[in-house]
Amino acid sequence: MPIVAMFLPPFFGIGFVMYFLPSLIALLRNKRDTLSIFLLNFFLGWTCIGWVVALVWACKTDVPAVVAR
């Protein structure tokens, strides 16, 4: 077995986790917009801007919802 084949799966796994890091953070923080963050990350995460926007959105604190009477 070539030495490259031994190191390929861990790097692929790390890349996969890094790509979906904003979605994982949103999921772990129980964000209201987790699905929206995931969709932004999935479709625009390949661009650096889309990934950073998703990361900032996932790390941002949710503002409590105000119920008007």
PDB file of N, CA and C in Angstrom:
ATOM      1  N   MET A   1       0.851  -1.177   0.000  1.00  0.00           N
ATOM      2  CA  MET A   1       0.000   0.000   0.000  1.00  0.00           C
ATOM      3  C   MET A   1       0.896   1.240   0.000  1.00  0.00           C
ATOM      4  N   PRO A   2       0.632   2.163  -0.916  1.00  0.00           N
ATOM      5  CA  PRO A   2       1.459   3.375  -0.966  1.00  0.00           C
ATOM      6  C   PRO A   2       1.257   4.238   0.282  1.00  0.00           C
ATOM      7  N   ILE A   3       2.274   4.962   0.618  1.00  0.00           N
ATOM      8  CA  ILE A   3       2.241   5.812   1.810  1.00  0.00           C
ATOM      9  C   ILE A   3       1.204   6.927   1.652  1.00  0.00           C
ATOM     10  N   VAL A   4       0.953   7.373   0.424  1.00  0.00           N
ATOM     11  CA  VAL A   4      -0.021   8.437   0.194  1.00  0.00           C
ATOM     12  C   VAL A   4      -1.419   7.969   0.556  1.00  0.00           C
ATOM     13  N   ALA A   5      -1.732   6.716   0.298  1.00  0.00           N
ATOM     14  CA  ALA A   5      -3.060   6.177   0.602  1.00  0.00           C
ATOM     15  C   ALA A   5      -3.336   6.163   2.102  1.00  0.00           C
ATOM     16  N   MET A   6      -2.305   6.092   2.920  1.00  0.00           N
ATOM     17  CA  MET A   6      -2.501   6.089   4.369  1.00  0.00           C
ATOM     18  C   MET A   6      -2.881   7.476   4.883  1.00  0.00           C
ATOM     19  N   PHE A   7      -2.411   8.517   4.227  1.00  0.00           N
ATOM     20  CA  PHE A   7      -2.642   9.872   4.711  1.00  0.00           C
ATOM     21  C   PHE A   7      -3.816  10.566   4.040  1.00  0.00           C
ATOM     22  N   LEU A   8      -4.338  10.023   2.957  1.00  0.00           N
ATOM     23  CA  LEU A   8      -5.427  10.668   2.229  1.00  0.00           C
ATOM     24  C   LEU A   8      -6.733  10.724   3.011  1.00  0.00           C
ATOM     25  N   PRO A   9      -7.222   9.643   3.633  1.00  0.00           N
ATOM     26  CA  PRO A   9      -8.501   9.724   4.358  1.00  0.00           C
ATOM     27  C   PRO A   9      -8.522  10.737   5.503  1.00  0.00           C
ATOM     28  N   PRO A  10      -7.473  10.828   6.330  1.00  0.00           N
ATOM     29  CA  PRO A  10      -7.545  11.845   7.395  1.00  0.00           C
ATOM     30  C   PRO A  10      -7.616  13.272   6.862  1.00  0.00           C
ATOM     31  N   PHE A  11      -6.880  13.563   5.804  1.00  0.00           N
ATOM     32  CA  PHE A  11      -6.913  14.916   5.249  1.00  0.00           C
ATOM     33  C   PHE A  11      -8.256  15.198   4.591  1.00  0.00           C
ATOM     34  N   PHE A  12      -8.848  14.199   3.945  1.00  0.00           N
ATOM     35  CA  PHE A  12     -10.165  14.377   3.353  1.00  0.00           C
ATOM     36  C   PHE A  12     -11.188  14.636   4.449  1.00  0.00           C
ATOM     37  N   GLY A  13     -11.094  13.926   5.564  1.00  0.00           N
ATOM     38  CA  GLY A  13     -12.015  14.118   6.683  1.00  0.00           C
ATOM     39  C   GLY A  13     -11.866  15.488   7.314  1.00  0.00           C
ATOM     40  N   ILE A  14     -10.640  15.935   7.475  1.00  0.00           N
ATOM     41  CA  ILE A  14     -10.394  17.255   8.059  1.00  0.00           C
ATOM     42  C   ILE A  14     -10.917  18.345   7.127  1.00  0.00           C
ATOM     43  N   GLY A  15     -10.725  18.183   5.835  1.00  0.00           N
ATOM     44  CA  GLY A  15     -11.236  19.149   4.863  1.00  0.00           C
ATOM     45  C   GLY A  15     -12.753  19.224   4.873  1.00  0.00           C
ATOM     46  N   PHE A  16     -13.396  18.073   5.001  1.00  0.00           N
ATOM     47  CA  PHE A  16     -14.850  18.003   5.054  1.00  0.00           C
ATOM     48  C   PHE A  16     -15.372  18.718   6.295  1.00  0.00           C
ATOM     49  N   VAL A  17     -14.722  18.477   7.431  1.00  0.00           N
ATOM     50  CA  VAL A  17     -15.132  19.124   8.685  1.00  0.00           C
ATOM     51  C   VAL A  17     -14.882  20.623   8.614  1.00  0.00           C
ATOM     52  N   MET A  18     -13.762  21.038   8.051  1.00  0.00           N
ATOM     53  CA  MET A  18     -13.467  22.464   7.942  1.00  0.00           C
ATOM     54  C   MET A  18     -14.448  23.162   7.007  1.00  0.00           C
ATOM     55  N   TYR A  19     -14.866  22.497   5.930  1.00  0.00           N
ATOM     56  CA  TYR A  19     -15.808  23.097   4.992  1.00  0.00           C
ATOM     57  C   TYR A  19     -17.154  23.339   5.668  1.00  0.00           C
ATOM     58  N   PHE A  20     -17.609  22.376   6.458  1.00  0.00           N
ATOM     59  CA  PHE A  20     -18.906  22.489   7.115  1.00  0.00           C
ATOM     60  C   PHE A  20     -18.803  22.996   8.557  1.00  0.00           C
ATOM     61  N   LEU A  21     -17.694  23.605   8.922  1.00  0.00           N
ATOM     62  CA  LEU A  21     -17.515  24.146  10.270  1.00  0.00           C
ATOM     63  C   LEU A  21     -18.601  25.154  10.654  1.00  0.00           C
ATOM     64  N   PRO A  22     -18.998  26.093   9.793  1.00  0.00           N
ATOM     65  CA  PRO A  22     -20.090  27.000  10.181  1.00  0.00           C
ATOM     66  C   PRO A  22     -21.390  26.258  10.484  1.00  0.00           C
ATOM     67  N   SER A  23     -21.710  25.247   9.699  1.00  0.00           N
ATOM     68  CA  SER A  23     -22.928  24.474   9.933  1.00  0.00           C
ATOM     69  C   SER A  23     -22.845  23.696  11.242  1.00  0.00           C
ATOM     70  N   LEU A  24     -21.677  23.152  11.535  1.00  0.00           N
ATOM     71  CA  LEU A  24     -21.508  22.418  12.790  1.00  0.00           C
ATOM     72  C   LEU A  24     -21.610  23.341  13.998  1.00  0.00           C
ATOM     73  N   ILE A  25     -21.041  24.535  13.894  1.00  0.00           N
ATOM     74  CA  ILE A  25     -21.136  25.503  14.992  1.00  0.00           C
ATOM     75  C   ILE A  25     -22.585  25.905  15.205  1.00  0.00           C
ATOM     76  N   ALA A  26     -23.313  26.161  14.124  1.00  0.00           N
ATOM     77  CA  ALA A  26     -24.727  26.538  14.234  1.00  0.00           C
ATOM     78  C   ALA A  26     -25.540  25.412  14.867  1.00  0.00           C
ATOM     79  N   LEU A  27     -25.240  24.185  14.500  1.00  0.00           N
ATOM     80  CA  LEU A  27     -25.952  23.039  15.059  1.00  0.00           C
ATOM     81  C   LEU A  27     -25.656  22.882  16.548  1.00  0.00           C
ATOM     82  N   LEU A  28     -24.408  23.041  16.934  1.00  0.00           N
ATOM     83  CA  LEU A  28     -24.024  22.893  18.347  1.00  0.00           C
ATOM     84  C   LEU A  28     -24.547  24.039  19.212  1.00  0.00           C
ATOM     85  N   ARG A  29     -24.734  25.220  18.620  1.00  0.00           N
ATOM     86  CA  ARG A  29     -25.226  26.370  19.382  1.00  0.00           C
ATOM     87  C   ARG A  29     -26.739  26.502  19.344  1.00  0.00           C
ATOM     88  N   ASN A  30     -27.431  25.547  18.698  1.00  0.00           N
ATOM     89  CA  ASN A  30     -28.897  25.551  18.594  1.00  0.00           C
ATOM     90  C   ASN A  30     -29.415  26.865  18.017  1.00  0.00           C
ATOM     91  N   LYS A  31     -28.828  27.282  16.891  1.00  0.00           N
ATOM     92  CA  LYS A  31     -29.248  28.517  16.238  1.00  0.00           C
ATOM     93  C   LYS A  31     -30.634  28.349  15.629  1.00  0.00           C
ATOM     94  N   ARG A  32     -31.395  29.445  15.602  1.00  0.00           N
ATOM     95  CA  ARG A  32     -32.718  29.414  14.973  1.00  0.00           C
ATOM     96  C   ARG A  32     -32.606  29.191  13.476  1.00  0.00           C
ATOM     97  N   ASP A  33     -31.577  29.728  12.860  1.00  0.00           N
ATOM     98  CA  ASP A  33     -31.404  29.678  11.411  1.00  0.00           C
ATOM     99  C   ASP A  33     -30.402  28.618  10.967  1.00  0.00           C
ATOM    100  N   THR A  34     -30.378  27.488  11.640  1.00  0.00           N
ATOM    101  CA  THR A  34     -29.404  26.442  11.323  1.00  0.00           C
ATOM    102  C   THR A  34     -29.553  25.960   9.885  1.00  0.00           C
ATOM    103  N   LEU A  35     -30.779  25.762   9.434  1.00  0.00           N
ATOM    104  CA  LEU A  35     -30.985  25.295   8.056  1.00  0.00           C
ATOM    105  C   LEU A  35     -30.503  26.333   7.051  1.00  0.00           C
ATOM    106  N   SER A  36     -30.773  27.601   7.304  1.00  0.00           N
ATOM    107  CA  SER A  36     -30.325  28.661   6.398  1.00  0.00           C
ATOM    108  C   SER A  36     -28.807  28.748   6.363  1.00  0.00           C
ATOM    109  N   ILE A  37     -28.185  28.611   7.519  1.00  0.00           N
ATOM    110  CA  ILE A  37     -26.724  28.633   7.580  1.00  0.00           C
ATOM    111  C   ILE A  37     -26.150  27.443   6.829  1.00  0.00           C
ATOM    112  N   PHE A  38     -26.773  26.266   6.996  1.00  0.00           N
ATOM    113  CA  PHE A  38     -26.306  25.083   6.279  1.00  0.00           C
ATOM    114  C   PHE A  38     -26.432  25.266   4.766  1.00  0.00           C
ATOM    115  N   LEU A  39     -27.564  25.813   4.316  1.00  0.00           N
ATOM    116  CA  LEU A  39     -27.759  26.003   2.876  1.00  0.00           C
ATOM    117  C   LEU A  39     -26.769  27.017   2.301  1.00  0.00           C
ATOM    118  N   LEU A  40     -26.526  28.093   3.032  1.00  0.00           N
ATOM    119  CA  LEU A  40     -25.529  29.069   2.591  1.00  0.00           C
ATOM    120  C   LEU A  40     -24.155  28.417   2.532  1.00  0.00           C
ATOM    121  N   ASN A  41     -23.823  27.641   3.548  1.00  0.00           N
ATOM    122  CA  ASN A  41     -22.543  26.961   3.605  1.00  0.00           C
ATOM    123  C   ASN A  41     -22.419  25.922   2.490  1.00  0.00           C
ATOM    124  N   PHE A  42     -23.493  25.204   2.221  1.00  0.00           N
ATOM    125  CA  PHE A  42     -23.471  24.150   1.201  1.00  0.00           C
ATOM    126  C   PHE A  42     -23.306  24.720  -0.209  1.00  0.00           C
ATOM    127  N   PHE A  43     -24.071  25.774  -0.526  1.00  0.00           N
ATOM    128  CA  PHE A  43     -24.057  26.306  -1.881  1.00  0.00           C
ATOM    129  C   PHE A  43     -22.976  27.363  -2.126  1.00  0.00           C
ATOM    130  N   LEU A  44     -22.641  28.159  -1.123  1.00  0.00           N
ATOM    131  CA  LEU A  44     -21.662  29.227  -1.322  1.00  0.00           C
ATOM    132  C   LEU A  44     -20.411  29.078  -0.462  1.00  0.00           C
ATOM    133  N   GLY A  45     -20.288  27.973   0.242  1.00  0.00           N
ATOM    134  CA  GLY A  45     -19.120  27.766   1.094  1.00  0.00           C
ATOM    135  C   GLY A  45     -17.832  27.624   0.315  1.00  0.00           C
ATOM    136  N   TRP A  46     -17.914  27.243  -0.958  1.00  0.00           N
ATOM    137  CA  TRP A  46     -16.712  27.090  -1.777  1.00  0.00           C
ATOM    138  C   TRP A  46     -16.070  28.433  -2.069  1.00  0.00           C
ATOM    139  N   THR A  47     -16.860  29.511  -1.960  1.00  0.00           N
ATOM    140  CA  THR A  47     -16.264  30.843  -2.076  1.00  0.00           C
ATOM    141  C   THR A  47     -15.822  31.248  -0.676  1.00  0.00           C
ATOM    142  N   CYS A  48     -14.762  31.934  -0.573  1.00  0.00           N
ATOM    143  CA  CYS A  48     -14.286  32.348   0.755  1.00  0.00           C
ATOM    144  C   CYS A  48     -15.286  33.284   1.423  1.00  0.00           C
ATOM    145  N   ILE A  49     -15.913  34.150   0.645  1.00  0.00           N
ATOM    146  CA  ILE A  49     -16.868  35.104   1.208  1.00  0.00           C
ATOM    147  C   ILE A  49     -18.076  34.381   1.782  1.00  0.00           C
ATOM    148  N   GLY A  50     -18.623  33.418   1.054  1.00  0.00           N
ATOM    149  CA  GLY A  50     -19.776  32.659   1.540  1.00  0.00           C
ATOM    150  C   GLY A  50     -19.463  31.892   2.804  1.00  0.00           C
ATOM    151  N   TRP A  51     -18.261  31.324   2.870  1.00  0.00           N
ATOM    152  CA  TRP A  51     -17.859  30.556   4.054  1.00  0.00           C
ATOM    153  C   TRP A  51     -17.717  31.473   5.259  1.00  0.00           C
ATOM    154  N   VAL A  52     -17.101  32.633   5.076  1.00  0.00           N
ATOM    155  CA  VAL A  52     -16.909  33.583   6.185  1.00  0.00           C
ATOM    156  C   VAL A  52     -18.251  34.129   6.656  1.00  0.00           C
ATOM    157  N   VAL A  53     -19.154  34.446   5.740  1.00  0.00           N
ATOM    158  CA  VAL A  53     -20.484  34.944   6.118  1.00  0.00           C
ATOM    159  C   VAL A  53     -21.226  33.884   6.930  1.00  0.00           C
ATOM    160  N   ALA A  54     -21.157  32.636   6.492  1.00  0.00           N
ATOM    161  CA  ALA A  54     -21.811  31.557   7.231  1.00  0.00           C
ATOM    162  C   ALA A  54     -21.178  31.379   8.609  1.00  0.00           C
ATOM    163  N   LEU A  55     -19.868  31.507   8.703  1.00  0.00           N
ATOM    164  CA  LEU A  55     -19.187  31.371   9.989  1.00  0.00           C
ATOM    165  C   LEU A  55     -19.575  32.494  10.944  1.00  0.00           C
ATOM    166  N   VAL A  56     -19.605  33.727  10.452  1.00  0.00           N
ATOM    167  CA  VAL A  56     -19.991  34.864  11.302  1.00  0.00           C
ATOM    168  C   VAL A  56     -21.437  34.715  11.747  1.00  0.00           C
ATOM    169  N   TRP A  57     -22.307  34.307  10.837  1.00  0.00           N
ATOM    170  CA  TRP A  57     -23.724  34.114  11.154  1.00  0.00           C
ATOM    171  C   TRP A  57     -23.892  33.020  12.203  1.00  0.00           C
ATOM    172  N   ALA A  58     -23.100  31.966  12.108  1.00  0.00           N
ATOM    173  CA  ALA A  58     -23.192  30.862  13.074  1.00  0.00           C
ATOM    174  C   ALA A  58     -22.674  31.276  14.451  1.00  0.00           C
ATOM    175  N   CYS A  59     -21.683  32.156  14.488  1.00  0.00           N
ATOM    176  CA  CYS A  59     -21.101  32.570  15.767  1.00  0.00           C
ATOM    177  C   CYS A  59     -21.859  33.719  16.423  1.00  0.00           C
ATOM    178  N   LYS A  60     -22.666  34.423  15.653  1.00  0.00           N
ATOM    179  CA  LYS A  60     -23.402  35.565  16.175  1.00  0.00           C
ATOM    180  C   LYS A  60     -24.479  35.105  17.147  1.00  0.00           C
ATOM    181  N   THR A  61     -24.676  35.866  18.208  1.00  0.00           N
ATOM    182  CA  THR A  61     -25.689  35.535  19.221  1.00  0.00           C
ATOM    183  C   THR A  61     -27.065  35.879  18.702  1.00  0.00           C
ATOM    184  N   ASP A  62     -28.006  34.972  18.909  1.00  0.00           N
ATOM    185  CA  ASP A  62     -29.393  35.218  18.503  1.00  0.00           C
ATOM    186  C   ASP A  62     -30.023  36.291  19.384  1.00  0.00           C
ATOM    187  N   VAL A  63     -30.719  37.225  18.749  1.00  0.00           N
ATOM    188  CA  VAL A  63     -31.448  38.253  19.471  1.00  0.00           C
ATOM    189  C   VAL A  63     -32.771  37.622  19.904  1.00  0.00           C
ATOM    190  N   PRO A  64     -33.164  37.790  21.171  1.00  0.00           N
ATOM    191  CA  PRO A  64     -34.431  37.209  21.602  1.00  0.00           C
ATOM    192  C   PRO A  64     -35.607  37.749  20.782  1.00  0.00           C
ATOM    193  N   ALA A  65     -36.505  36.862  20.439  1.00  0.00           N
ATOM    194  CA  ALA A  65     -37.679  37.257  19.658  1.00  0.00           C
ATOM    195  C   ALA A  65     -38.645  38.022  20.552  1.00  0.00           C
ATOM    196  N   VAL A  66     -39.136  39.161  20.063  1.00  0.00           N
ATOM    197  CA  VAL A  66     -40.080  39.986  20.807  1.00  0.00           C
ATOM    198  C   VAL A  66     -41.480  39.699  20.288  1.00  0.00           C
ATOM    199  N   VAL A  67     -42.374  39.391  21.197  1.00  0.00           N
ATOM    200  CA  VAL A  67     -43.761  39.124  20.837  1.00  0.00           C
ATOM    201  C   VAL A  67     -44.561  40.389  21.087  1.00  0.00           C
ATOM    202  N   ALA A  68     -45.146  40.950  20.017  1.00  0.00           N
ATOM    203  CA  ALA A  68     -45.935  42.175  20.163  1.00  0.00           C
ATOM    204  C   ALA A  68     -47.357  41.817  20.615  1.00  0.00           C
ATOM    205  N   ARG A  69     -47.891  42.625  21.499  1.00  0.00           N
ATOM    206  CA  ARG A  69     -49.253  42.401  21.992  1.00  0.00           C
ATOM    207  C   ARG A  69     -50.211  43.339  21.354  1.00  0.00           C
TER     208      ARG A  69
END
